[in-house]
Amino acid sequence: MTPFHPDYGLGDEHRLAALRCAETIGLRRAAAVFNVHLSSLYRWRKSYDPELLRFAARHEQLRPDA
């Protein structure tokens, strides 16, 4: 399950590519390269779970039993 609606915005593959790029060239430059807002990259980075290899819903991260 992804918190991002598939009919709106960018797909998970595009988000992951932007985050990987940000690791090498920095968030500001990656935001410019991928034509997204810097705050979007921060939000995506916060919601991405590398262990699950997917974007986790915010409410799933806040559950005490998770």
N, C-alpha and C. Protein backbone atom coordinates (compact mmCIF):
# COMPACT_ATOMS: atom_id res chain seq x y z
N MET A 1 0.84 -1.18 0.00
CA MET A 1 0.00 0.00 0.00
C MET A 1 0.88 1.24 0.00
N THR A 2 0.54 2.19 -0.82
CA THR A 2 1.28 3.44 -0.89
C THR A 2 0.35 4.59 -0.51
N PRO A 3 0.86 5.57 0.21
CA PRO A 3 0.01 6.69 0.59
C PRO A 3 -0.25 7.66 -0.55
N PHE A 4 0.40 7.45 -1.69
CA PHE A 4 0.25 8.35 -2.81
C PHE A 4 -0.72 7.76 -3.82
N HIS A 5 -1.72 8.49 -4.17
CA HIS A 5 -2.71 8.01 -5.12
C HIS A 5 -2.06 7.85 -6.49
N PRO A 6 -2.28 6.72 -7.17
CA PRO A 6 -1.59 6.47 -8.44
C PRO A 6 -2.01 7.42 -9.56
N ASP A 7 -3.18 8.02 -9.46
CA ASP A 7 -3.62 8.94 -10.50
C ASP A 7 -3.15 10.36 -10.27
N TYR A 8 -2.47 10.60 -9.17
CA TYR A 8 -2.05 11.95 -8.85
C TYR A 8 -0.54 11.98 -8.59
N GLY A 9 0.12 12.88 -9.23
CA GLY A 9 1.54 13.07 -8.95
C GLY A 9 2.43 12.05 -9.62
N LEU A 10 3.53 11.77 -8.98
CA LEU A 10 4.57 10.93 -9.54
C LEU A 10 4.52 9.53 -8.97
N GLY A 11 4.99 8.58 -9.73
CA GLY A 11 5.03 7.20 -9.27
C GLY A 11 6.17 6.94 -8.30
N ASP A 12 6.10 5.81 -7.64
CA ASP A 12 7.14 5.46 -6.67
C ASP A 12 8.52 5.36 -7.32
N GLU A 13 8.58 4.88 -8.55
CA GLU A 13 9.87 4.76 -9.23
C GLU A 13 10.53 6.11 -9.41
N HIS A 14 9.73 7.11 -9.77
CA HIS A 14 10.25 8.46 -9.95
C HIS A 14 10.71 9.05 -8.61
N ARG A 15 9.94 8.81 -7.57
CA ARG A 15 10.31 9.30 -6.24
C ARG A 15 11.61 8.66 -5.77
N LEU A 16 11.74 7.35 -5.99
CA LEU A 16 12.97 6.66 -5.59
C LEU A 16 14.17 7.16 -6.38
N ALA A 17 13.98 7.40 -7.66
CA ALA A 17 15.08 7.92 -8.47
C ALA A 17 15.52 9.29 -7.96
N ALA A 18 14.57 10.13 -7.59
CA ALA A 18 14.90 11.45 -7.06
C ALA A 18 15.65 11.34 -5.74
N LEU A 19 15.23 10.42 -4.88
CA LEU A 19 15.90 10.24 -3.59
C LEU A 19 17.31 9.68 -3.77
N ARG A 20 17.47 8.76 -4.69
CA ARG A 20 18.81 8.21 -4.95
C ARG A 20 19.73 9.29 -5.50
N CYS A 21 19.21 10.10 -6.38
CA CYS A 21 19.98 11.20 -6.93
C CYS A 21 20.36 12.19 -5.83
N ALA A 22 19.43 12.45 -4.92
CA ALA A 22 19.69 13.39 -3.83
C ALA A 22 20.81 12.91 -2.92
N GLU A 23 20.99 11.60 -2.81
CA GLU A 23 22.07 11.07 -2.00
C GLU A 23 23.44 11.44 -2.56
N THR A 24 23.52 11.60 -3.86
CA THR A 24 24.82 11.89 -4.48
C THR A 24 25.03 13.38 -4.74
N ILE A 25 23.99 14.09 -5.17
CA ILE A 25 24.20 15.49 -5.53
C ILE A 25 23.56 16.48 -4.56
N GLY A 26 22.82 15.97 -3.59
CA GLY A 26 22.17 16.84 -2.61
C GLY A 26 20.71 17.07 -2.94
N LEU A 27 19.98 17.41 -1.90
CA LEU A 27 18.53 17.57 -2.04
C LEU A 27 18.16 18.74 -2.94
N ARG A 28 18.81 19.88 -2.77
CA ARG A 28 18.45 21.06 -3.57
C ARG A 28 18.66 20.82 -5.06
N ARG A 29 19.80 20.26 -5.41
CA ARG A 29 20.07 20.01 -6.83
C ARG A 29 19.16 18.93 -7.39
N ALA A 30 18.88 17.90 -6.60
CA ALA A 30 17.98 16.84 -7.06
C ALA A 30 16.58 17.39 -7.27
N ALA A 31 16.14 18.29 -6.40
CA ALA A 31 14.83 18.92 -6.58
C ALA A 31 14.77 19.67 -7.90
N ALA A 32 15.85 20.36 -8.24
CA ALA A 32 15.90 21.10 -9.50
C ALA A 32 15.93 20.14 -10.69
N VAL A 33 16.72 19.09 -10.59
CA VAL A 33 16.85 18.13 -11.69
C VAL A 33 15.52 17.43 -11.96
N PHE A 34 14.82 17.03 -10.89
CA PHE A 34 13.57 16.29 -11.04
C PHE A 34 12.35 17.21 -11.07
N ASN A 35 12.58 18.50 -10.99
CA ASN A 35 11.51 19.50 -11.08
C ASN A 35 10.42 19.26 -10.04
N VAL A 36 10.85 19.05 -8.80
CA VAL A 36 9.93 18.89 -7.68
C VAL A 36 10.33 19.88 -6.59
N HIS A 37 9.43 20.13 -5.69
CA HIS A 37 9.70 21.04 -4.60
C HIS A 37 10.61 20.37 -3.58
N LEU A 38 11.48 21.14 -2.98
CA LEU A 38 12.41 20.61 -1.99
C LEU A 38 11.67 19.94 -0.83
N SER A 39 10.55 20.51 -0.43
CA SER A 39 9.79 19.91 0.67
C SER A 39 9.23 18.54 0.29
N SER A 40 8.97 18.32 -0.99
CA SER A 40 8.51 17.00 -1.44
C SER A 40 9.60 15.96 -1.21
N LEU A 41 10.84 16.31 -1.52
CA LEU A 41 11.94 15.37 -1.30
C LEU A 41 12.11 15.06 0.18
N TYR A 42 12.00 16.08 1.02
CA TYR A 42 12.08 15.83 2.46
C TYR A 42 10.96 14.90 2.91
N ARG A 43 9.75 15.13 2.44
CA ARG A 43 8.60 14.30 2.82
C ARG A 43 8.77 12.87 2.31
N TRP A 44 9.22 12.73 1.06
CA TRP A 44 9.42 11.40 0.50
C TRP A 44 10.50 10.66 1.28
N ARG A 45 11.59 11.35 1.60
CA ARG A 45 12.68 10.72 2.33
C ARG A 45 12.21 10.25 3.71
N LYS A 46 11.35 11.02 4.32
CA LYS A 46 10.84 10.67 5.64
C LYS A 46 9.87 9.48 5.57
N SER A 47 9.11 9.37 4.49
CA SER A 47 8.11 8.32 4.40
C SER A 47 8.61 7.05 3.75
N TYR A 48 9.83 7.06 3.21
CA TYR A 48 10.34 5.86 2.55
C TYR A 48 10.97 4.93 3.57
N ASP A 49 10.61 3.67 3.51
CA ASP A 49 11.15 2.66 4.40
C ASP A 49 12.09 1.77 3.61
N PRO A 50 13.41 1.94 3.77
CA PRO A 50 14.34 1.14 2.97
C PRO A 50 14.28 -0.35 3.26
N GLU A 51 13.87 -0.73 4.48
CA GLU A 51 13.79 -2.15 4.80
C GLU A 51 12.64 -2.82 4.04
N LEU A 52 11.55 -2.09 3.84
CA LEU A 52 10.42 -2.64 3.11
C LEU A 52 10.51 -2.33 1.62
N LEU A 53 11.45 -1.46 1.25
CA LEU A 53 11.63 -1.02 -0.13
C LEU A 53 10.35 -0.44 -0.72
N ARG A 54 9.67 0.35 0.10
CA ARG A 54 8.46 1.02 -0.38
C ARG A 54 8.20 2.25 0.48
N PHE A 55 7.28 3.05 0.01
CA PHE A 55 6.85 4.20 0.78
C PHE A 55 5.78 3.75 1.75
N ALA A 56 5.97 4.06 3.01
CA ALA A 56 5.03 3.65 4.04
C ALA A 56 4.07 4.79 4.34
N ALA A 57 2.84 4.44 4.64
CA ALA A 57 1.86 5.45 5.03
C ALA A 57 2.28 6.03 6.38
N ARG A 58 2.06 7.30 6.54
CA ARG A 58 2.47 7.97 7.78
C ARG A 58 1.82 7.32 9.00
N HIS A 59 0.55 6.95 8.92
CA HIS A 59 -0.11 6.36 10.08
C HIS A 59 0.47 5.00 10.43
N GLU A 60 1.04 4.29 9.46
CA GLU A 60 1.67 3.01 9.76
C GLU A 60 2.95 3.21 10.55
N GLN A 61 3.66 4.30 10.30
CA GLN A 61 4.90 4.56 11.01
C GLN A 61 4.63 4.97 12.45
N LEU A 62 3.48 5.54 12.71
CA LEU A 62 3.19 6.06 14.05
C LEU A 62 2.53 5.03 14.95
N ARG A 63 2.16 3.88 14.41
CA ARG A 63 1.51 2.85 15.24
C ARG A 63 2.52 2.28 16.23
N PRO A 64 2.13 2.16 17.51
CA PRO A 64 3.07 1.64 18.51
C PRO A 64 3.39 0.16 18.32
N ASP A 65 2.50 -0.61 17.71
CA ASP A 65 2.76 -2.04 17.54
C ASP A 65 3.51 -2.35 16.25
N ALA A 66 3.82 -1.35 15.45
CA ALA A 66 4.50 -1.57 14.17
C ALA A 66 5.98 -1.71 14.35
